[in-house]
Protein backbone atom coordinates (compact mmCIF):
# COMPACT_ATOMS: atom_id res chain seq x y z
CA GLU A 1 1.55 41.82 21.01
CA VAL A 2 1.50 38.20 23.03
CA GLN A 3 -1.54 36.56 23.51
CA LEU A 4 -2.34 33.52 25.68
CA VAL A 5 -5.22 31.02 25.51
CA GLU A 6 -6.65 28.61 27.33
CA SER A 7 -8.97 25.38 26.24
CA GLY A 8 -9.51 22.08 27.95
CA GLY A 9 -11.91 22.98 30.86
CA GLY A 10 -14.86 21.16 31.92
CA LEU A 11 -17.19 18.95 34.04
CA VAL A 12 -15.66 16.08 35.29
CA GLN A 13 -16.21 13.61 38.06
CA PRO A 14 -14.01 13.11 41.08
CA GLY A 15 -11.01 11.04 40.24
CA GLY A 16 -11.29 11.63 36.48
CA SER A 17 -8.71 13.94 34.38
CA LEU A 18 -8.50 16.29 31.98
CA ARG A 19 -5.95 18.24 30.02
CA LEU A 20 -5.50 21.85 29.61
CA SER A 21 -3.96 23.58 26.97
CA CYS A 22 -2.32 27.06 26.69
CA ALA A 23 -1.44 28.35 23.50
CA ILE A 24 1.31 32.00 23.07
CA SER A 25 1.32 33.59 20.11
CA GLY A 26 3.14 36.99 19.19
CA TYR A 27 6.17 35.79 20.80
CA SER A 28 9.38 34.96 18.63
CA GLY A 29 11.66 33.57 21.10
CA SER A 30 12.05 29.59 22.32
CA ARG A 31 12.61 30.35 26.20
CA TYR A 32 10.21 31.58 28.89
CA CYS A 33 8.57 30.38 31.69
CA LEU A 34 5.07 29.22 31.60
CA ALA A 35 2.98 28.60 35.04
CA TRP A 36 -0.73 27.61 35.59
CA PHE A 37 -2.77 29.52 38.22
CA ARG A 38 -6.27 28.45 39.73
CA GLN A 39 -8.66 30.83 41.33
CA ALA A 40 -11.48 29.11 43.15
CA PRO A 41 -14.21 31.42 44.12
CA GLY A 42 -13.77 33.48 47.41
CA LYS A 43 -10.14 32.37 47.50
CA GLU A 44 -6.55 33.93 45.94
CA ARG A 45 -5.49 32.72 42.80
CA GLU A 46 -2.56 30.05 43.21
CA GLY A 47 0.16 29.13 41.50
CA VAL A 48 -0.31 25.27 40.55
CA ALA A 49 2.72 24.49 38.37
CA ALA A 50 5.58 25.79 35.88
CA ILE A 51 8.15 24.91 33.23
CA VAL A 52 10.69 26.92 31.24
CA THR A 53 10.35 26.19 27.53
CA GLY A 54 12.83 25.69 25.53
CA GLY A 55 14.97 23.02 27.06
CA GLY A 56 17.71 23.70 29.72
CA GLY A 57 15.70 25.22 32.23
CA GLY A 58 15.32 22.77 34.74
CA SER A 59 12.42 20.12 36.07
CA PRO A 60 9.01 21.43 36.18
CA VAL A 61 7.93 22.61 39.49
CA TYR A 62 4.75 21.74 41.17
CA ASP A 63 2.42 23.01 44.39
CA ASP A 64 2.34 20.86 46.97
CA SER A 65 -1.36 20.21 46.65
CA VAL A 66 -1.16 18.57 43.15
CA LYS A 67 1.98 16.81 43.17
CA GLY A 68 1.86 13.49 41.73
CA ARG A 69 -1.20 14.40 39.90
CA PHE A 70 -0.55 16.89 37.46
CA THR A 71 2.12 17.04 34.95
CA ILE A 72 2.87 19.96 33.05
CA SER A 73 5.08 19.63 29.78
CA GLN A 74 5.23 21.57 25.94
CA ASP A 75 4.42 19.70 23.28
CA ASN A 76 7.55 18.77 21.40
CA GLY A 77 5.69 19.31 17.89
CA ARG A 78 4.05 22.77 18.69
CA LYS A 79 6.67 24.25 20.98
CA GLU A 80 4.22 27.06 21.39
CA THR A 81 2.02 25.06 23.71
CA VAL A 82 2.00 23.91 26.98
CA TYR A 83 -0.59 21.56 28.77
CA LEU A 84 -0.94 20.86 32.27
CA HIS A 85 -2.36 17.19 32.54
CA MET A 86 -4.66 16.72 35.91
CA HIS A 87 -5.71 13.26 36.95
CA SER A 88 -6.98 12.06 40.29
CA LEU A 89 -8.79 14.90 40.21
CA LYS A 90 -10.67 16.32 43.36
CA PRO A 91 -13.55 18.88 44.09
CA GLU A 92 -11.22 20.69 45.30
CA ASP A 93 -9.51 21.40 42.34
CA THR A 94 -12.66 23.69 40.81
CA ALA A 95 -11.47 26.71 39.82
CA THR A 96 -10.72 28.94 37.08
CA TYR A 97 -7.45 28.07 35.81
CA TYR A 98 -4.91 30.79 34.10
CA CYS A 99 -1.45 30.26 32.33
CA ALA A 100 1.05 33.28 32.40
CA VAL A 101 4.29 33.58 31.14
CA ARG A 102 7.41 35.88 31.88
CA PHE A 103 10.19 35.98 29.72
CA ALA A 104 12.95 34.54 32.21
CA GLY A 105 13.40 31.77 34.46
CA CYS A 106 10.82 30.47 36.21
CA GLY A 107 12.99 31.06 39.42
CA PHE A 108 12.43 29.96 43.07
CA ASP A 109 9.62 32.44 43.31
CA TRP A 110 7.59 31.13 40.15
CA TYR A 111 4.28 31.11 42.57
CA LYS A 112 3.88 34.71 42.55
CA GLN A 113 1.38 36.39 40.19
CA ASN A 114 3.40 39.45 40.04
CA ARG A 115 6.33 38.05 38.58
CA TYR A 116 4.24 37.42 35.35
CA ASN A 117 4.02 39.63 32.54
CA TYR A 118 0.66 38.40 30.20
CA TRP A 119 -2.09 36.07 31.21
CA GLY A 120 -4.70 34.18 29.53
CA GLN A 121 -8.77 34.46 29.89
CA GLY A 122 -8.72 31.69 31.90
CA THR A 123 -10.96 28.41 31.49
CA GLN A 124 -12.94 26.61 33.87
CA VAL A 125 -12.55 23.38 35.86
CA THR A 126 -15.15 21.70 37.70
CA VAL A 127 -14.97 18.78 39.52
CA SER A 128 -18.30 17.22 40.77
CA SER A 129 -20.45 14.37 41.16
């Protein structure tokens, strides 16, 4: 059974940084699309960033709201782990962050929730002074 586990959330001041991790297990392949989503209270879940693991899948993609501040990457040593590096955090980044996977390329519709087969339980990120 495929499982995803997020970690790394917490409380950070505006302008600070956090690194979220998503560990995938139960899948023997090396190539898939892994995305980070977030959901703030009272708001729709939105796509933040996505990456095709295993190389050859093109550049990562980002929502405009996080471009230049967030970076998604795969751990070179532990291929089953994907990170979301978050810098220059703002109060509006406060949300529960989820990772999700689909066993295909990311494609132009990477930000659509219904394109993903498996989800993690989420990790809370709070940006506040």
